[in-house]
N, C-alpha and C. Protein backbone atom coordinates (compact mmCIF):
# COMPACT_ATOMS: atom_id res chain seq x y z
N MET A 1 -11.27 -3.95 -5.78
CA MET A 1 -11.98 -3.06 -6.23
C MET A 1 -12.42 -2.13 -4.92
N PHE A 2 -12.84 -2.66 -3.79
CA PHE A 2 -12.84 -1.97 -2.46
C PHE A 2 -11.43 -0.85 -1.75
N PHE A 3 -10.39 -1.73 -2.38
CA PHE A 3 -9.19 -0.97 -1.87
C PHE A 3 -8.59 -0.15 -2.63
N GLU A 4 -8.80 0.16 -4.06
CA GLU A 4 -8.59 1.12 -5.10
C GLU A 4 -9.09 2.12 -4.53
N GLU A 5 -10.60 2.00 -4.05
CA GLU A 5 -10.99 3.31 -3.46
C GLU A 5 -10.35 4.07 -2.09
N LEU A 6 -9.76 3.17 -1.29
CA LEU A 6 -9.43 3.61 -0.17
C LEU A 6 -7.86 4.01 -0.08
N LYS A 7 -7.18 3.50 -1.25
CA LYS A 7 -6.10 4.23 -1.45
C LYS A 7 -5.58 5.29 -1.25
N PRO A 8 -6.05 6.16 -2.18
CA PRO A 8 -5.88 7.79 -2.12
C PRO A 8 -5.98 8.53 -0.22
N LEU A 9 -7.05 7.82 0.41
CA LEU A 9 -7.23 7.93 1.72
C LEU A 9 -5.71 7.50 2.51
N ALA A 10 -5.66 6.30 2.21
CA ALA A 10 -4.53 5.81 2.94
C ALA A 10 -2.91 6.39 2.62
N GLN A 11 -2.80 6.50 1.32
CA GLN A 11 -1.63 7.85 0.84
C GLN A 11 -1.45 8.85 2.12
N GLU A 12 -2.50 9.61 1.95
CA GLU A 12 -2.55 10.93 2.75
C GLU A 12 -2.49 10.69 4.27
N LEU A 13 -2.55 9.59 4.60
CA LEU A 13 -2.70 9.06 6.33
C LEU A 13 -1.24 8.98 6.49
N ILE A 14 -0.49 8.02 5.53
CA ILE A 14 0.88 8.18 5.10
C ILE A 14 1.53 9.07 5.21
N HIS A 15 1.63 10.07 4.36
CA HIS A 15 2.33 11.11 4.06
C HIS A 15 2.20 12.10 5.09
N GLU A 16 1.07 12.41 5.65
CA GLU A 16 0.53 13.52 6.61
C GLU A 16 -0.26 12.99 7.82
N PRO A 17 0.01 11.93 8.84
CA PRO A 17 -0.85 11.55 9.64
C PRO A 17 -1.21 12.68 10.52
N THR A 18 -0.59 13.74 11.01
CA THR A 18 -1.00 14.26 12.21
C THR A 18 -2.13 15.42 11.17
N ALA A 19 -1.80 16.18 10.03
CA ALA A 19 -2.73 16.88 9.44
C ALA A 19 -4.04 15.97 8.88
N PHE A 20 -3.82 14.74 8.69
CA PHE A 20 -5.10 13.81 7.93
C PHE A 20 -5.72 13.77 9.36
N LEU A 21 -5.33 13.40 10.22
CA LEU A 21 -6.32 13.05 11.43
C LEU A 21 -6.84 13.90 12.33
N GLY A 22 -6.04 15.44 12.25
CA GLY A 22 -6.42 16.51 12.57
C GLY A 22 -7.73 16.83 11.83
N GLY A 23 -7.59 17.08 10.48
CA GLY A 23 -8.89 17.17 9.78
C GLY A 23 -9.92 16.42 9.80
N PHE A 24 -9.68 14.96 10.24
CA PHE A 24 -10.79 14.08 10.25
C PHE A 24 -11.58 14.36 11.62
N VAL A 25 -10.40 14.47 12.81
CA VAL A 25 -11.37 15.06 13.69
C VAL A 25 -12.10 15.93 13.76
N ALA A 26 -11.68 17.20 13.35
CA ALA A 26 -12.60 18.73 13.19
C ALA A 26 -13.64 18.32 12.21
N GLY A 27 -13.66 17.27 11.09
CA GLY A 27 -14.80 17.06 10.31
C GLY A 27 -16.06 16.10 11.50
N LEU A 28 -15.69 15.20 11.97
CA LEU A 28 -16.41 14.58 12.99
C LEU A 28 -17.09 15.55 13.91
N LEU A 29 -16.26 16.28 14.51
CA LEU A 29 -16.82 17.23 15.46
C LEU A 29 -17.78 18.64 14.67
N ARG A 30 -17.44 18.22 13.68
CA ARG A 30 -18.40 19.65 13.02
C ARG A 30 -17.52 20.87 13.54
N LEU A 31 -16.18 20.88 13.44
CA LEU A 31 -16.11 22.44 13.45
C LEU A 31 -15.83 23.17 12.40
N ASN A 32 -15.96 24.49 12.59
CA ASN A 32 -16.08 25.52 11.14
C ASN A 32 -14.63 25.96 11.13
N PRO A 33 -13.70 26.08 10.13
CA PRO A 33 -12.39 26.53 10.27
C PRO A 33 -12.72 28.11 10.26
N ASP A 34 -13.63 28.75 10.33
CA ASP A 34 -13.79 30.14 10.26
C ASP A 34 -14.00 30.49 11.69
N GLU A 35 -14.29 29.76 12.37
CA GLU A 35 -14.57 29.88 14.01
C GLU A 35 -13.47 29.62 14.76
N ASP A 36 -13.30 30.39 16.06
CA ASP A 36 -12.69 29.70 16.87
C ASP A 36 -13.10 28.48 17.70
N PRO A 37 -12.27 27.80 18.20
CA PRO A 37 -10.77 27.63 18.23
C PRO A 37 -10.13 27.30 17.14
N LEU A 38 -10.67 26.44 16.35
CA LEU A 38 -10.12 26.18 15.09
C LEU A 38 -9.19 27.20 14.24
N ARG A 39 -9.96 28.14 14.13
CA ARG A 39 -9.30 29.51 13.37
C ARG A 39 -8.21 29.86 13.92
N SER A 40 -8.26 29.91 15.12
CA SER A 40 -6.72 30.50 15.96
C SER A 40 -5.84 29.58 15.79
N TRP A 41 -6.14 28.10 15.89
CA TRP A 41 -5.08 27.19 16.22
C TRP A 41 -4.49 26.71 14.42
N LEU A 42 -5.16 26.94 13.58
CA LEU A 42 -4.80 27.36 12.14
C LEU A 42 -3.72 28.56 12.17
N ALA A 43 -4.33 29.77 12.64
CA ALA A 43 -3.27 30.79 12.31
C ALA A 43 -2.03 30.76 13.14
N ASN A 44 -2.12 29.64 14.15
CA ASN A 44 -0.80 29.52 14.77
C ASN A 44 -0.02 28.38 14.17
N GLN A 45 -0.41 27.73 13.10
CA GLN A 45 0.42 26.63 12.31
C GLN A 45 0.73 27.59 11.06
N GLY A 46 0.15 28.79 10.80
CA GLY A 46 0.60 29.41 9.35
C GLY A 46 -0.38 29.07 8.19
N VAL A 47 -1.49 28.69 8.59
CA VAL A 47 -2.18 28.13 7.68
C VAL A 47 -3.51 29.46 7.56
N ASN A 48 -4.21 29.91 6.42
CA ASN A 48 -5.16 30.85 6.25
C ASN A 48 -5.99 30.02 5.34
N PRO A 49 -7.34 29.35 6.12
CA PRO A 49 -7.94 29.04 5.53
C PRO A 49 -9.11 29.65 4.85
N THR A 50 -9.41 29.65 3.37
CA THR A 50 -10.46 30.19 2.78
C THR A 50 -12.02 29.49 3.25
N SER A 51 -12.71 30.30 2.71
CA SER A 51 -13.95 29.71 3.39
C SER A 51 -14.74 29.41 1.69
N THR A 52 -15.51 28.45 1.89
CA THR A 52 -16.52 28.12 0.76
C THR A 52 -17.63 28.50 0.81
N ALA A 53 -18.14 28.59 2.18
CA ALA A 53 -19.26 28.80 2.36
C ALA A 53 -20.23 30.23 1.78
N ARG A 54 -21.18 30.23 0.96
CA ARG A 54 -21.72 31.44 0.60
C ARG A 54 -22.23 31.95 1.29
N PRO A 55 -22.07 33.59 1.33
CA PRO A 55 -23.39 34.31 2.32
C PRO A 55 -24.45 34.03 2.09
N THR A 56 -25.48 34.22 2.82
CA THR A 56 -26.88 34.00 2.64
C THR A 56 -27.39 35.45 2.90
N PRO A 57 -28.12 35.74 1.82
CA PRO A 57 -29.00 36.81 1.33
C PRO A 57 -29.85 37.34 3.09
N PRO A 58 -30.21 38.46 3.21
CA PRO A 58 -30.99 38.87 4.27
C PRO A 58 -32.58 38.37 4.03
N PRO A 59 -33.42 37.90 5.21
CA PRO A 59 -34.42 37.42 4.84
C PRO A 59 -35.17 38.99 4.61
N PRO A 60 -35.97 38.59 3.66
CA PRO A 60 -37.22 39.69 3.41
C PRO A 60 -37.93 40.28 4.27
N SER A 61 -38.00 41.87 4.43
CA SER A 61 -38.71 42.31 5.80
C SER A 61 -40.15 42.67 5.54
N GLY A 62 -40.97 42.47 6.39
CA GLY A 62 -42.44 42.89 5.53
C GLY A 62 -42.77 41.97 5.01
N PRO A 63 -44.52 42.23 4.85
CA PRO A 63 -44.99 41.79 3.70
C PRO A 63 -44.58 41.29 2.34
N GLN A 64 -44.74 40.41 1.52
CA GLN A 64 -44.32 40.29 0.25
C GLN A 64 -45.70 40.23 -0.63
N ARG A 65 -45.39 40.95 -1.82
CA ARG A 65 -46.58 41.28 -2.93
C ARG A 65 -46.28 39.96 -3.93
N ILE A 66 -47.72 39.30 -4.10
CA ILE A 66 -47.40 38.20 -4.77
C ILE A 66 -48.56 38.18 -5.78
N SER A 67 -48.37 38.08 -7.29
CA SER A 67 -49.77 37.84 -8.51
C SER A 67 -49.68 36.82 -8.29
N ILE A 68 -50.99 36.32 -8.50
CA ILE A 68 -51.97 34.93 -8.97
C ILE A 68 -52.28 35.17 -10.27
N ASP A 69 -51.85 34.23 -11.02
CA ASP A 69 -52.66 34.39 -12.49
C ASP A 69 -53.70 33.50 -12.47
């Protein structure tokens, strides 16, 4: 049962060991693919990463009006 859950991981490791380990290390170091040095390295490898992060709205400026019922 436990080995079946690890099977996809092992298959990816066997098929593309360099890419798998590179992604694993980047995840451990919490590197953002949208920032250098990872972005420039990916560009040199011919990869165009797409960002999944949503832009955050700007914080409200000044006092806010609230109504209490």
